[in-house]
All heavy atoms as atom14 arrays in JSON, in Angstrom:
{
  "sequence": "RSEFQRIINTQISAFHADDGAKAYSFATPRLQKKFVNPSIFMQMV",
  "atom14_mask": [
    [1, 1, 1, 1, 1, 1, 1, 1, 1, 1, 1, 0, 0, 0],
    [1, 1, 1, 1, 1, 1, 0, 0, 0, 0, 0, 0, 0, 0],
    [1, 1, 1, 1, 1, 1, 1, 1, 1, 0, 0, 0, 0, 0],
    [1, 1, 1, 1, 1, 1, 1, 1, 1, 1, 1, 0, 0, 0],
    [1, 1, 1, 1, 1, 1, 1, 1, 1, 0, 0, 0, 0, 0],
    [1, 1, 1, 1, 1, 1, 1, 1, 1, 1, 1, 0, 0, 0],
    [1, 1, 1, 1, 1, 1, 1, 1, 0, 0, 0, 0, 0, 0],
    [1, 1, 1, 1, 1, 1, 1, 1, 0, 0, 0, 0, 0, 0],
    [1, 1, 1, 1, 1, 1, 1, 1, 0, 0, 0, 0, 0, 0],
    [1, 1, 1, 1, 1, 1, 1, 0, 0, 0, 0, 0, 0, 0],
    [1, 1, 1, 1, 1, 1, 1, 1, 1, 0, 0, 0, 0, 0],
    [1, 1, 1, 1, 1, 1, 1, 1, 0, 0, 0, 0, 0, 0],
    [1, 1, 1, 1, 1, 1, 0, 0, 0, 0, 0, 0, 0, 0],
    [1, 1, 1, 1, 1, 0, 0, 0, 0, 0, 0, 0, 0, 0],
    [1, 1, 1, 1, 1, 1, 1, 1, 1, 1, 1, 0, 0, 0],
    [1, 1, 1, 1, 1, 1, 1, 1, 1, 1, 0, 0, 0, 0],
    [1, 1, 1, 1, 1, 0, 0, 0, 0, 0, 0, 0, 0, 0],
    [1, 1, 1, 1, 1, 1, 1, 1, 0, 0, 0, 0, 0, 0],
    [1, 1, 1, 1, 1, 1, 1, 1, 0, 0, 0, 0, 0, 0],
    [1, 1, 1, 1, 0, 0, 0, 0, 0, 0, 0, 0, 0, 0],
    [1, 1, 1, 1, 1, 0, 0, 0, 0, 0, 0, 0, 0, 0],
    [1, 1, 1, 1, 1, 1, 1, 1, 1, 0, 0, 0, 0, 0],
    [1, 1, 1, 1, 1, 0, 0, 0, 0, 0, 0, 0, 0, 0],
    [1, 1, 1, 1, 1, 1, 1, 1, 1, 1, 1, 1, 0, 0],
    [1, 1, 1, 1, 1, 1, 0, 0, 0, 0, 0, 0, 0, 0],
    [1, 1, 1, 1, 1, 1, 1, 1, 1, 1, 1, 0, 0, 0],
    [1, 1, 1, 1, 1, 0, 0, 0, 0, 0, 0, 0, 0, 0],
    [1, 1, 1, 1, 1, 1, 1, 0, 0, 0, 0, 0, 0, 0],
    [1, 1, 1, 1, 1, 1, 1, 0, 0, 0, 0, 0, 0, 0],
    [1, 1, 1, 1, 1, 1, 1, 1, 1, 1, 1, 0, 0, 0],
    [1, 1, 1, 1, 1, 1, 1, 1, 0, 0, 0, 0, 0, 0],
    [1, 1, 1, 1, 1, 1, 1, 1, 1, 0, 0, 0, 0, 0],
    [1, 1, 1, 1, 1, 1, 1, 1, 1, 0, 0, 0, 0, 0],
    [1, 1, 1, 1, 1, 1, 1, 1, 1, 0, 0, 0, 0, 0],
    [1, 1, 1, 1, 1, 1, 1, 1, 1, 1, 1, 0, 0, 0],
    [1, 1, 1, 1, 1, 1, 1, 0, 0, 0, 0, 0, 0, 0],
    [1, 1, 1, 1, 1, 1, 1, 1, 0, 0, 0, 0, 0, 0],
    [1, 1, 1, 1, 1, 1, 1, 0, 0, 0, 0, 0, 0, 0],
    [1, 1, 1, 1, 1, 1, 0, 0, 0, 0, 0, 0, 0, 0],
    [1, 1, 1, 1, 1, 1, 1, 1, 0, 0, 0, 0, 0, 0],
    [1, 1, 1, 1, 1, 1, 1, 1, 1, 1, 1, 0, 0, 0],
    [1, 1, 1, 1, 1, 1, 1, 1, 0, 0, 0, 0, 0, 0],
    [1, 1, 1, 1, 1, 1, 1, 1, 1, 0, 0, 0, 0, 0],
    [1, 1, 1, 1, 1, 1, 1, 1, 0, 0, 0, 0, 0, 0],
    [1, 1, 1, 1, 1, 1, 1, 0, 0, 0, 0, 0, 0, 0]
  ],
  "atom14_positions": [
    [[19.11, -12.04, 1.67], [19.37, -11.87, 3.11], [20.15, -10.58, 3.37], [19.82, -9.82, 4.27], [20.13, -13.07, 3.66], [19.37, -14.35, 3.64], [20.29, -15.54, 3.95], [19.68, -16.78, 3.51], [18.93, -17.54, 4.26], [18.69, -17.21, 5.51], [18.4, -18.65, 3.79], [0.0, 0.0, 0.0], [0.0, 0.0, 0.0], [0.0, 0.0, 0.0]],
    [[21.18, -10.37, 2.58], [21.99, -9.14, 2.73], [21.15, -7.91, 2.46], [21.28, -6.89, 3.14], [23.18, -9.17, 1.77], [24.07, -10.18, 2.13], [0.0, 0.0, 0.0], [0.0, 0.0, 0.0], [0.0, 0.0, 0.0], [0.0, 0.0, 0.0], [0.0, 0.0, 0.0], [0.0, 0.0, 0.0], [0.0, 0.0, 0.0], [0.0, 0.0, 0.0]],
    [[20.28, -8.0, 1.47], [19.42, -6.86, 1.12], [18.42, -6.56, 2.24], [18.2, -5.41, 2.58], [18.7, -7.12, -0.21], [17.87, -5.96, -0.69], [18.66, -4.7, -1.04], [19.9, -4.68, -0.93], [18.02, -3.71, -1.43], [0.0, 0.0, 0.0], [0.0, 0.0, 0.0], [0.0, 0.0, 0.0], [0.0, 0.0, 0.0], [0.0, 0.0, 0.0]],
    [[17.83, -7.59, 2.83], [16.9, -7.38, 3.95], [17.61, -6.61, 5.07], [17.09, -5.64, 5.61], [16.37, -8.69, 4.51], [15.57, -9.53, 3.54], [15.43, -10.89, 3.77], [14.97, -8.99, 2.42], [14.69, -11.68, 2.9], [14.23, -9.76, 1.54], [14.09, -11.13, 1.78], [0.0, 0.0, 0.0], [0.0, 0.0, 0.0], [0.0, 0.0, 0.0]],
    [[18.82, -7.05, 5.4], [19.56, -6.43, 6.49], [20.0, -5.01, 6.14], [19.93, -4.1, 6.96], [20.74, -7.31, 6.88], [20.26, -8.62, 7.49], [21.37, -9.61, 7.78], [22.55, -9.28, 7.74], [20.99, -10.85, 8.07], [0.0, 0.0, 0.0], [0.0, 0.0, 0.0], [0.0, 0.0, 0.0], [0.0, 0.0, 0.0], [0.0, 0.0, 0.0]],
    [[20.4, -4.8, 4.88], [20.78, -3.46, 4.44], [19.58, -2.51, 4.54], [19.71, -1.38, 5.04], [21.3, -3.49, 2.99], [21.79, -2.11, 2.51], [21.95, -2.06, 1.01], [20.68, -2.1, 0.31], [19.84, -1.08, 0.18], [20.11, 0.1, 0.71], [18.71, -1.21, -0.5], [0.0, 0.0, 0.0], [0.0, 0.0, 0.0], [0.0, 0.0, 0.0]],
    [[18.42, -2.97, 4.1], [17.22, -2.13, 4.12], [16.87, -1.76, 5.56], [16.6, -0.59, 5.87], [16.04, -2.85, 3.42], [16.28, -2.9, 1.91], [14.71, -2.16, 3.75], [15.32, -3.81, 1.15], [0.0, 0.0, 0.0], [0.0, 0.0, 0.0], [0.0, 0.0, 0.0], [0.0, 0.0, 0.0], [0.0, 0.0, 0.0], [0.0, 0.0, 0.0]],
    [[16.87, -2.74, 6.45], [16.52, -2.47, 7.85], [17.52, -1.5, 8.46], [17.13, -0.51, 9.11], [16.45, -3.78, 8.66], [15.26, -4.63, 8.18], [16.33, -3.48, 10.17], [15.28, -6.06, 8.69], [0.0, 0.0, 0.0], [0.0, 0.0, 0.0], [0.0, 0.0, 0.0], [0.0, 0.0, 0.0], [0.0, 0.0, 0.0], [0.0, 0.0, 0.0]],
    [[18.81, -1.74, 8.26], [19.83, -0.84, 8.82], [19.69, 0.57, 8.26], [19.78, 1.56, 9.0], [21.24, -1.36, 8.53], [21.69, -2.41, 9.53], [21.34, -2.35, 10.7], [22.47, -3.36, 9.07], [0.0, 0.0, 0.0], [0.0, 0.0, 0.0], [0.0, 0.0, 0.0], [0.0, 0.0, 0.0], [0.0, 0.0, 0.0], [0.0, 0.0, 0.0]],
    [[19.44, 0.68, 6.96], [19.32, 2.0, 6.33], [18.07, 2.72, 6.81], [18.09, 3.93, 7.08], [19.34, 1.88, 4.8], [20.51, 1.16, 4.4], [19.35, 3.25, 4.14], [0.0, 0.0, 0.0], [0.0, 0.0, 0.0], [0.0, 0.0, 0.0], [0.0, 0.0, 0.0], [0.0, 0.0, 0.0], [0.0, 0.0, 0.0], [0.0, 0.0, 0.0]],
    [[16.96, 1.97, 6.96], [15.75, 2.61, 7.46], [15.93, 3.07, 8.9], [15.53, 4.19, 9.26], [14.55, 1.67, 7.36], [13.25, 2.39, 7.71], [12.04, 1.49, 7.69], [12.03, 0.47, 8.38], [11.05, 1.85, 6.88], [0.0, 0.0, 0.0], [0.0, 0.0, 0.0], [0.0, 0.0, 0.0], [0.0, 0.0, 0.0], [0.0, 0.0, 0.0]],
    [[16.56, 2.27, 9.74], [16.79, 2.67, 11.13], [17.7, 3.89, 11.19], [17.48, 4.81, 11.98], [17.28, 1.49, 11.98], [16.11, 0.52, 12.19], [17.87, 1.95, 13.31], [16.44, -0.77, 12.91], [0.0, 0.0, 0.0], [0.0, 0.0, 0.0], [0.0, 0.0, 0.0], [0.0, 0.0, 0.0], [0.0, 0.0, 0.0], [0.0, 0.0, 0.0]],
    [[18.7, 3.95, 10.33], [19.57, 5.14, 10.25], [18.75, 6.36, 9.84], [18.97, 7.46, 10.36], [20.71, 4.92, 9.24], [21.6, 3.94, 9.72], [0.0, 0.0, 0.0], [0.0, 0.0, 0.0], [0.0, 0.0, 0.0], [0.0, 0.0, 0.0], [0.0, 0.0, 0.0], [0.0, 0.0, 0.0], [0.0, 0.0, 0.0], [0.0, 0.0, 0.0]],
    [[17.8, 6.17, 8.92], [16.93, 7.29, 8.51], [16.06, 7.75, 9.67], [15.86, 8.95, 9.86], [16.07, 6.87, 7.31], [0.0, 0.0, 0.0], [0.0, 0.0, 0.0], [0.0, 0.0, 0.0], [0.0, 0.0, 0.0], [0.0, 0.0, 0.0], [0.0, 0.0, 0.0], [0.0, 0.0, 0.0], [0.0, 0.0, 0.0], [0.0, 0.0, 0.0]],
    [[15.56, 6.82, 10.48], [14.8, 7.2, 11.67], [15.66, 8.03, 12.62], [15.22, 9.06, 13.12], [14.26, 5.97, 12.41], [13.17, 5.22, 11.7], [13.14, 3.84, 11.71], [12.15, 5.89, 11.03], [12.13, 3.14, 11.07], [11.13, 5.2, 10.38], [11.13, 3.81, 10.41], [0.0, 0.0, 0.0], [0.0, 0.0, 0.0], [0.0, 0.0, 0.0]],
    [[16.89, 7.59, 12.82], [17.8, 8.32, 13.72], [18.06, 9.74, 13.22], [18.23, 10.66, 14.02], [19.13, 7.57, 13.89], [19.05, 6.46, 14.88], [19.61, 6.52, 16.13], [18.46, 5.24, 14.81], [19.37, 5.4, 16.78], [18.67, 4.6, 16.0], [0.0, 0.0, 0.0], [0.0, 0.0, 0.0], [0.0, 0.0, 0.0], [0.0, 0.0, 0.0]],
    [[18.09, 9.9, 11.91], [18.33, 11.21, 11.3], [17.04, 12.0, 11.1], [17.08, 13.1, 10.54], [19.04, 11.03, 9.96], [0.0, 0.0, 0.0], [0.0, 0.0, 0.0], [0.0, 0.0, 0.0], [0.0, 0.0, 0.0], [0.0, 0.0, 0.0], [0.0, 0.0, 0.0], [0.0, 0.0, 0.0], [0.0, 0.0, 0.0], [0.0, 0.0, 0.0]],
    [[15.92, 11.44, 11.52], [14.6, 12.04, 11.29], [14.38, 12.35, 9.81], [13.77, 13.36, 9.45], [14.4, 13.29, 12.16], [14.15, 12.92, 13.61], [13.4, 11.95, 13.85], [14.72, 13.58, 14.5], [0.0, 0.0, 0.0], [0.0, 0.0, 0.0], [0.0, 0.0, 0.0], [0.0, 0.0, 0.0], [0.0, 0.0, 0.0], [0.0, 0.0, 0.0]],
    [[14.86, 11.45, 8.96], [14.69, 11.56, 7.51], [13.48, 10.73, 7.09], [13.61, 9.58, 6.68], [15.96, 11.1, 6.79], [15.92, 11.31, 5.29], [14.82, 11.56, 4.72], [17.0, 11.22, 4.66], [0.0, 0.0, 0.0], [0.0, 0.0, 0.0], [0.0, 0.0, 0.0], [0.0, 0.0, 0.0], [0.0, 0.0, 0.0], [0.0, 0.0, 0.0]],
    [[12.3, 11.33, 7.25], [11.06, 10.63, 6.97], [10.94, 10.14, 5.54], [10.45, 9.03, 5.31], [0.0, 0.0, 0.0], [0.0, 0.0, 0.0], [0.0, 0.0, 0.0], [0.0, 0.0, 0.0], [0.0, 0.0, 0.0], [0.0, 0.0, 0.0], [0.0, 0.0, 0.0], [0.0, 0.0, 0.0], [0.0, 0.0, 0.0], [0.0, 0.0, 0.0]],
    [[11.37, 10.94, 4.59], [11.25, 10.55, 3.19], [12.05, 9.29, 2.9], [11.56, 8.38, 2.22], [11.7, 11.69, 2.28], [0.0, 0.0, 0.0], [0.0, 0.0, 0.0], [0.0, 0.0, 0.0], [0.0, 0.0, 0.0], [0.0, 0.0, 0.0], [0.0, 0.0, 0.0], [0.0, 0.0, 0.0], [0.0, 0.0, 0.0], [0.0, 0.0, 0.0]],
    [[13.26, 9.22, 3.43], [14.09, 8.04, 3.19], [13.5, 6.83, 3.9], [13.41, 5.75, 3.31], [15.52, 8.29, 3.64], [16.46, 7.17, 3.26], [17.9, 7.56, 3.47], [18.81, 6.54, 2.84], [20.18, 6.98, 2.84], [0.0, 0.0, 0.0], [0.0, 0.0, 0.0], [0.0, 0.0, 0.0], [0.0, 0.0, 0.0], [0.0, 0.0, 0.0]],
    [[13.11, 6.98, 5.17], [12.54, 5.85, 5.92], [11.28, 5.33, 5.21], [11.08, 4.12, 5.08], [12.23, 6.27, 7.34], [0.0, 0.0, 0.0], [0.0, 0.0, 0.0], [0.0, 0.0, 0.0], [0.0, 0.0, 0.0], [0.0, 0.0, 0.0], [0.0, 0.0, 0.0], [0.0, 0.0, 0.0], [0.0, 0.0, 0.0], [0.0, 0.0, 0.0]],
    [[10.44, 6.24, 4.76], [9.18, 5.92, 4.08], [9.43, 5.19, 2.77], [8.64, 4.34, 2.36], [8.46, 7.24, 3.86], [7.07, 7.24, 3.27], [5.98, 6.82, 4.02], [6.83, 7.74, 1.99], [4.68, 6.88, 3.51], [5.55, 7.81, 1.47], [4.48, 7.38, 2.23], [3.2, 7.45, 1.73], [0.0, 0.0, 0.0], [0.0, 0.0, 0.0]],
    [[10.54, 5.48, 2.11], [10.84, 4.89, 0.8], [11.05, 3.39, 0.86], [10.96, 2.72, -0.17], [12.07, 5.56, 0.18], [13.26, 5.12, 0.82], [0.0, 0.0, 0.0], [0.0, 0.0, 0.0], [0.0, 0.0, 0.0], [0.0, 0.0, 0.0], [0.0, 0.0, 0.0], [0.0, 0.0, 0.0], [0.0, 0.0, 0.0], [0.0, 0.0, 0.0]],
    [[11.3, 2.83, 2.04], [11.52, 1.39, 2.16], [10.22, 0.62, 2.39], [10.23, -0.61, 2.4], [12.51, 1.1, 3.3], [13.89, 1.62, 2.99], [14.37, 2.73, 3.64], [14.68, 1.01, 2.04], [15.63, 3.22, 3.36], [15.94, 1.49, 1.74], [16.42, 2.61, 2.4], [0.0, 0.0, 0.0], [0.0, 0.0, 0.0], [0.0, 0.0, 0.0]],
    [[9.12, 1.3, 2.57], [7.82, 0.66, 2.77], [7.2, 0.31, 1.41], [7.42, 1.0, 0.42], [6.88, 1.59, 3.54], [0.0, 0.0, 0.0], [0.0, 0.0, 0.0], [0.0, 0.0, 0.0], [0.0, 0.0, 0.0], [0.0, 0.0, 0.0], [0.0, 0.0, 0.0], [0.0, 0.0, 0.0], [0.0, 0.0, 0.0], [0.0, 0.0, 0.0]],
    [[6.43, -0.75, 1.4], [5.73, -1.14, 0.17], [4.73, -0.03, -0.22], [4.29, 0.75, 0.63], [4.94, -2.45, 0.37], [4.0, -2.27, 1.42], [5.85, -3.62, 0.63], [0.0, 0.0, 0.0], [0.0, 0.0, 0.0], [0.0, 0.0, 0.0], [0.0, 0.0, 0.0], [0.0, 0.0, 0.0], [0.0, 0.0, 0.0], [0.0, 0.0, 0.0]],
    [[4.34, 0.01, -1.48], [3.32, 0.98, -1.9], [2.04, 0.86, -1.07], [1.41, 1.88, -0.76], [3.08, 0.63, -3.37], [4.39, 0.05, -3.83], [4.9, -0.73, -2.63], [0.0, 0.0, 0.0], [0.0, 0.0, 0.0], [0.0, 0.0, 0.0], [0.0, 0.0, 0.0], [0.0, 0.0, 0.0], [0.0, 0.0, 0.0], [0.0, 0.0, 0.0]],
    [[1.66, -0.33, -0.68], [0.45, -0.52, 0.14], [0.59, 0.19, 1.49], [-0.33, 0.87, 1.94], [0.2, -2.01, 0.33], [-1.06, -2.3, 1.11], [-1.38, -3.8, 1.08], [-2.32, -4.08, 2.16], [-2.06, -4.85, 3.19], [-0.91, -5.45, 3.3], [-2.98, -5.05, 4.1], [0.0, 0.0, 0.0], [0.0, 0.0, 0.0], [0.0, 0.0, 0.0]],
    [[1.75, 0.04, 2.15], [1.96, 0.73, 3.42], [2.05, 2.24, 3.21], [1.54, 3.01, 4.02], [3.24, 0.23, 4.1], [3.15, -1.09, 4.85], [4.49, -1.43, 5.48], [2.07, -1.05, 5.9], [0.0, 0.0, 0.0], [0.0, 0.0, 0.0], [0.0, 0.0, 0.0], [0.0, 0.0, 0.0], [0.0, 0.0, 0.0], [0.0, 0.0, 0.0]],
    [[2.69, 2.65, 2.13], [2.77, 4.09, 1.85], [1.38, 4.68, 1.67], [1.09, 5.77, 2.17], [3.64, 4.34, 0.62], [5.1, 4.09, 0.89], [5.96, 4.29, -0.35], [5.47, 4.43, -1.47], [7.27, 4.3, -0.15], [0.0, 0.0, 0.0], [0.0, 0.0, 0.0], [0.0, 0.0, 0.0], [0.0, 0.0, 0.0], [0.0, 0.0, 0.0]],
    [[0.53, 3.94, 0.98], [-0.85, 4.42, 0.78], [-1.58, 4.51, 2.12], [-2.31, 5.46, 2.39], [-1.59, 3.49, -0.17], [-2.96, 3.95, -0.55], [-3.59, 3.02, -1.58], [-4.98, 3.49, -1.94], [-5.62, 2.62, -2.92], [0.0, 0.0, 0.0], [0.0, 0.0, 0.0], [0.0, 0.0, 0.0], [0.0, 0.0, 0.0], [0.0, 0.0, 0.0]],
    [[-1.36, 3.51, 2.98], [-2.01, 3.48, 4.29], [-1.59, 4.68, 5.15], [-2.42, 5.26, 5.85], [-1.67, 2.17, 5.0], [-2.3, 2.04, 6.37], [-1.97, 0.71, 7.0], [-2.58, 0.6, 8.39], [-2.31, -0.68, 9.01], [0.0, 0.0, 0.0], [0.0, 0.0, 0.0], [0.0, 0.0, 0.0], [0.0, 0.0, 0.0], [0.0, 0.0, 0.0]],
    [[-0.31, 5.05, 5.1], [0.18, 6.13, 5.95], [0.32, 7.46, 5.22], [0.81, 8.43, 5.78], [1.49, 5.71, 6.64], [1.25, 4.61, 7.62], [1.62, 3.32, 7.34], [0.58, 4.86, 8.81], [1.37, 2.28, 8.24], [0.32, 3.84, 9.71], [0.71, 2.55, 9.42], [0.0, 0.0, 0.0], [0.0, 0.0, 0.0], [0.0, 0.0, 0.0]],
    [[-0.12, 7.53, 3.98], [-0.32, 8.73, 3.17], [0.95, 9.5, 2.81], [1.18, 9.8, 1.66], [-1.36, 9.69, 3.82], [-1.64, 10.87, 2.93], [-2.63, 8.95, 4.16], [0.0, 0.0, 0.0], [0.0, 0.0, 0.0], [0.0, 0.0, 0.0], [0.0, 0.0, 0.0], [0.0, 0.0, 0.0], [0.0, 0.0, 0.0], [0.0, 0.0, 0.0]],
    [[1.78, 9.84, 3.79], [3.0, 10.62, 3.5], [4.06, 10.36, 4.56], [3.77, 9.77, 5.62], [2.67, 12.11, 3.37], [2.15, 12.7, 4.66], [2.74, 12.54, 5.74], [1.03, 13.41, 4.59], [0.0, 0.0, 0.0], [0.0, 0.0, 0.0], [0.0, 0.0, 0.0], [0.0, 0.0, 0.0], [0.0, 0.0, 0.0], [0.0, 0.0, 0.0]],
    [[5.3, 10.78, 4.31], [6.38, 10.53, 5.27], [6.14, 11.08, 6.67], [6.53, 10.46, 7.66], [7.61, 11.19, 4.62], [7.32, 11.14, 3.16], [5.83, 11.37, 3.06], [0.0, 0.0, 0.0], [0.0, 0.0, 0.0], [0.0, 0.0, 0.0], [0.0, 0.0, 0.0], [0.0, 0.0, 0.0], [0.0, 0.0, 0.0], [0.0, 0.0, 0.0]],
    [[5.49, 12.21, 6.78], [5.23, 12.8, 8.11], [4.31, 11.92, 8.95], [4.58, 11.68, 10.13], [4.62, 14.19, 7.99], [5.52, 15.06, 7.37], [0.0, 0.0, 0.0], [0.0, 0.0, 0.0], [0.0, 0.0, 0.0], [0.0, 0.0, 0.0], [0.0, 0.0, 0.0], [0.0, 0.0, 0.0], [0.0, 0.0, 0.0], [0.0, 0.0, 0.0]],
    [[3.25, 11.44, 8.34], [2.32, 10.56, 9.07], [3.0, 9.24, 9.41], [2.86, 8.71, 10.5], [1.02, 10.35, 8.25], [0.25, 11.67, 8.17], [0.16, 9.25, 8.86], [-0.92, 11.65, 7.22], [0.0, 0.0, 0.0], [0.0, 0.0, 0.0], [0.0, 0.0, 0.0], [0.0, 0.0, 0.0], [0.0, 0.0, 0.0], [0.0, 0.0, 0.0]],
    [[3.78, 8.73, 8.47], [4.53, 7.49, 8.7], [5.48, 7.66, 9.88], [5.52, 6.82, 10.79], [5.3, 7.12, 7.42], [6.16, 5.9, 7.54], [5.6, 4.63, 7.59], [7.54, 6.01, 7.58], [6.4, 3.5, 7.69], [8.34, 4.89, 7.68], [7.77, 3.63, 7.73], [0.0, 0.0, 0.0], [0.0, 0.0, 0.0], [0.0, 0.0, 0.0]],
    [[6.24, 8.75, 9.9], [7.18, 9.0, 10.99], [6.46, 9.14, 12.33], [6.95, 8.64, 13.35], [8.05, 10.22, 10.71], [9.08, 10.01, 9.63], [10.35, 8.82, 10.07], [11.39, 9.84, 11.11], [0.0, 0.0, 0.0], [0.0, 0.0, 0.0], [0.0, 0.0, 0.0], [0.0, 0.0, 0.0], [0.0, 0.0, 0.0], [0.0, 0.0, 0.0]],
    [[5.33, 9.8, 12.35], [4.56, 9.95, 13.59], [4.13, 8.58, 14.12], [4.21, 8.3, 15.32], [3.36, 10.86, 13.38], [2.52, 11.07, 14.63], [3.3, 11.72, 15.77], [4.22, 12.51, 15.55], [2.94, 11.39, 16.99], [0.0, 0.0, 0.0], [0.0, 0.0, 0.0], [0.0, 0.0, 0.0], [0.0, 0.0, 0.0], [0.0, 0.0, 0.0]],
    [[3.68, 7.7, 13.21], [3.27, 6.36, 13.6], [4.45, 5.59, 14.19], [4.33, 4.94, 15.23], [2.7, 5.63, 12.37], [2.31, 4.18, 12.62], [3.64, 2.93, 12.48], [4.19, 3.1, 10.8], [0.0, 0.0, 0.0], [0.0, 0.0, 0.0], [0.0, 0.0, 0.0], [0.0, 0.0, 0.0], [0.0, 0.0, 0.0], [0.0, 0.0, 0.0]],
    [[5.61, 5.69, 13.58], [6.79, 4.96, 14.07], [7.23, 5.54, 15.41], [7.53, 4.79, 16.35], [7.93, 4.98, 13.03], [9.2, 4.37, 13.6], [7.52, 4.25, 11.76], [0.0, 0.0, 0.0], [0.0, 0.0, 0.0], [0.0, 0.0, 0.0], [0.0, 0.0, 0.0], [0.0, 0.0, 0.0], [0.0, 0.0, 0.0], [0.0, 0.0, 0.0]]
  ]
}
């Protein structure tokens, strides 16, 4: 439970900082494959 909340908070902080690589790193490999790279992932978000 703590880890889920830490991951969400850290990813949202990465979005606020426009740190696509960090935000993308919290996605499963399947999602990463779907969105190809951090730039495409950030655009989708």
